[in-house]
């Protein structure tokens, strides 16, 4: 076996193992954040919320990992914004008490997207 193949094998196996562990931890983390945000009347949409959270983590993951000068970076969601979104979702559900669960879910998702975009715009304008 040549030196290049041995070196590649010594790098790829630990890298794949680390990626699998981080991936499993992130999925578990997304489940817990979705359960926090999509609770109460919209708890039947937790699976949709998990998918939305994982999909929302994809763009920063790709940008940071592909364009960072340090190749050991990885990204993940944060729990503080999720707690704020959970409080916001509870307020929305309380204000929409006569609406269906699907309408509440769509409104919570729309409010989450709107706050995310507005926060991003504020940070871009501050730069």
Protein backbone atom coordinates (compact mmCIF):
# COMPACT_ATOMS: atom_id res chain seq x y z
CA UNK A 1 0.00 0.00 0.00
CA UNK A 2 1.45 3.35 -0.97
CA UNK A 3 2.03 6.18 1.46
CA UNK A 4 -0.71 8.30 -0.11
CA UNK A 5 -3.35 5.58 0.27
CA UNK A 6 -2.30 4.91 3.86
CA UNK A 7 -2.45 8.61 4.72
CA UNK A 8 -5.84 8.99 3.05
CA UNK A 9 -7.19 5.98 4.93
CA UNK A 10 -5.84 7.35 8.21
CA UNK A 11 -7.67 10.64 7.58
CA UNK A 12 -10.95 9.48 6.06
CA UNK A 13 -11.98 6.95 8.72
CA UNK A 14 -11.72 9.37 11.69
CA UNK A 15 -13.36 12.10 9.60
CA UNK A 16 -16.34 9.94 8.68
CA UNK A 17 -16.69 8.75 12.29
CA UNK A 18 -16.64 12.33 13.59
CA UNK A 19 -19.18 13.37 10.95
CA UNK A 20 -21.52 10.54 11.90
CA UNK A 21 -21.33 11.38 15.61
CA UNK A 22 -21.94 15.09 14.96
CA UNK A 23 -24.81 14.24 12.62
CA UNK A 24 -26.53 12.01 15.18
CA UNK A 25 -26.09 14.62 17.91
CA UNK A 26 -27.49 17.35 15.63
CA UNK A 27 -30.55 15.27 14.78
CA UNK A 28 -31.23 14.66 18.47
CA UNK A 29 -30.69 18.37 19.13
CA UNK A 30 -33.14 19.29 16.32
CA UNK A 31 -35.73 16.95 17.82
CA UNK A 32 -35.46 18.64 21.21
CA UNK A 33 -35.62 22.16 19.74
CA UNK A 34 -38.64 21.25 17.59
CA UNK A 35 -40.38 19.78 20.63
CA UNK A 36 -39.70 23.04 22.46
CA UNK A 37 -40.94 25.34 19.69
CA UNK A 38 -43.82 23.26 18.34
CA UNK A 39 -45.52 22.39 21.63
CA UNK A 40 -49.11 22.67 22.76
CA UNK A 41 -51.77 22.91 20.07
CA UNK A 42 -49.26 22.38 17.25
CA UNK A 43 -47.50 19.38 18.76
CA UNK A 44 -48.84 17.21 15.95
CA UNK A 45 -46.51 19.14 13.62
CA UNK A 46 -43.30 18.36 15.52
CA UNK A 47 -42.06 16.10 12.72
CA UNK A 48 -42.48 18.95 10.25
CA UNK A 49 -40.65 21.22 12.67
CA UNK A 50 -37.73 18.79 12.90
CA UNK A 51 -37.42 18.80 9.13
CA UNK A 52 -37.59 22.59 8.99
CA UNK A 53 -34.90 22.95 11.65
CA UNK A 54 -32.57 20.49 9.93
CA UNK A 55 -33.19 22.20 6.59
CA UNK A 56 -32.50 25.58 8.20
CA UNK A 57 -29.16 24.34 9.49
CA UNK A 58 -28.06 23.23 6.01
CA UNK A 59 -27.09 26.62 4.42
CA UNK A 60 -24.75 27.77 7.21
CA UNK A 61 -23.28 24.27 7.42
CA UNK A 62 -22.45 24.27 3.72
CA UNK A 63 -21.16 27.85 3.59
CA UNK A 64 -18.94 27.53 6.65
CA UNK A 65 -17.56 24.12 5.77
CA UNK A 66 -16.94 24.86 2.11
CA UNK A 67 -15.55 28.39 2.38
CA UNK A 68 -13.84 28.50 5.77
CA UNK A 69 -10.07 28.70 5.88
CA UNK A 70 -10.10 26.29 8.84
CA UNK A 71 -11.39 22.91 7.67
CA UNK A 72 -12.19 21.60 11.15
CA UNK A 73 -15.27 23.81 11.60
CA UNK A 74 -18.79 22.54 12.02
CA UNK A 75 -22.02 24.37 12.66
CA UNK A 76 -25.10 23.60 14.64
CA UNK A 77 -28.22 25.35 15.84
CA UNK A 78 -28.42 27.43 18.96
CA UNK A 79 -30.75 26.93 21.87
CA UNK A 80 -31.20 30.59 22.91
CA UNK A 81 -33.00 31.64 19.70
CA UNK A 82 -35.08 28.47 19.90
CA UNK A 83 -36.22 29.45 23.41
CA UNK A 84 -37.23 32.89 22.11
CA UNK A 85 -39.07 31.28 19.19
CA UNK A 86 -40.87 28.97 21.65
CA UNK A 87 -42.11 31.96 23.65
CA UNK A 88 -43.15 33.66 20.42
CA UNK A 89 -44.98 30.50 19.28
CA UNK A 90 -46.81 30.27 22.60
CA UNK A 91 -47.95 33.87 22.24
CA UNK A 92 -49.10 33.27 18.67
CA UNK A 93 -51.06 30.18 19.70
CA UNK A 94 -52.69 32.05 22.56
CA UNK A 95 -53.69 34.89 20.24
CA UNK A 96 -55.08 32.46 17.67
CA UNK A 97 -57.08 30.31 20.08
CA UNK A 98 -60.04 29.90 17.71
CA UNK A 99 -57.89 28.92 14.69
CA UNK A 100 -57.07 25.40 13.56
CA UNK A 101 -53.80 23.71 14.46
CA UNK A 102 -52.63 23.90 10.85
CA UNK A 103 -53.22 27.66 10.71
CA UNK A 104 -51.31 28.09 13.96
CA UNK A 105 -48.43 25.99 12.64
CA UNK A 106 -48.21 27.97 9.41
CA UNK A 107 -48.29 31.24 11.35
CA UNK A 108 -45.53 30.08 13.73
CA UNK A 109 -43.36 28.98 10.79
CA UNK A 110 -43.98 32.26 8.95
CA UNK A 111 -43.14 34.28 12.07
CA UNK A 112 -39.96 32.25 12.56
CA UNK A 113 -38.90 32.83 8.96
CA UNK A 114 -39.69 36.54 9.21
CA UNK A 115 -37.70 37.02 12.42
CA UNK A 116 -34.79 35.06 10.98
CA UNK A 117 -34.68 37.14 7.80
CA UNK A 118 -35.04 40.42 9.69
CA UNK A 119 -32.29 39.46 12.12
CA UNK A 120 -30.02 38.56 9.20
CA UNK A 121 -30.76 41.90 7.53
CA UNK A 122 -29.90 43.79 10.71
CA UNK A 123 -26.56 42.00 10.95
CA UNK A 124 -25.79 42.62 7.28
CA UNK A 125 -26.59 46.32 7.69
CA UNK A 126 -24.43 46.54 10.82
CA UNK A 127 -21.45 45.15 8.94
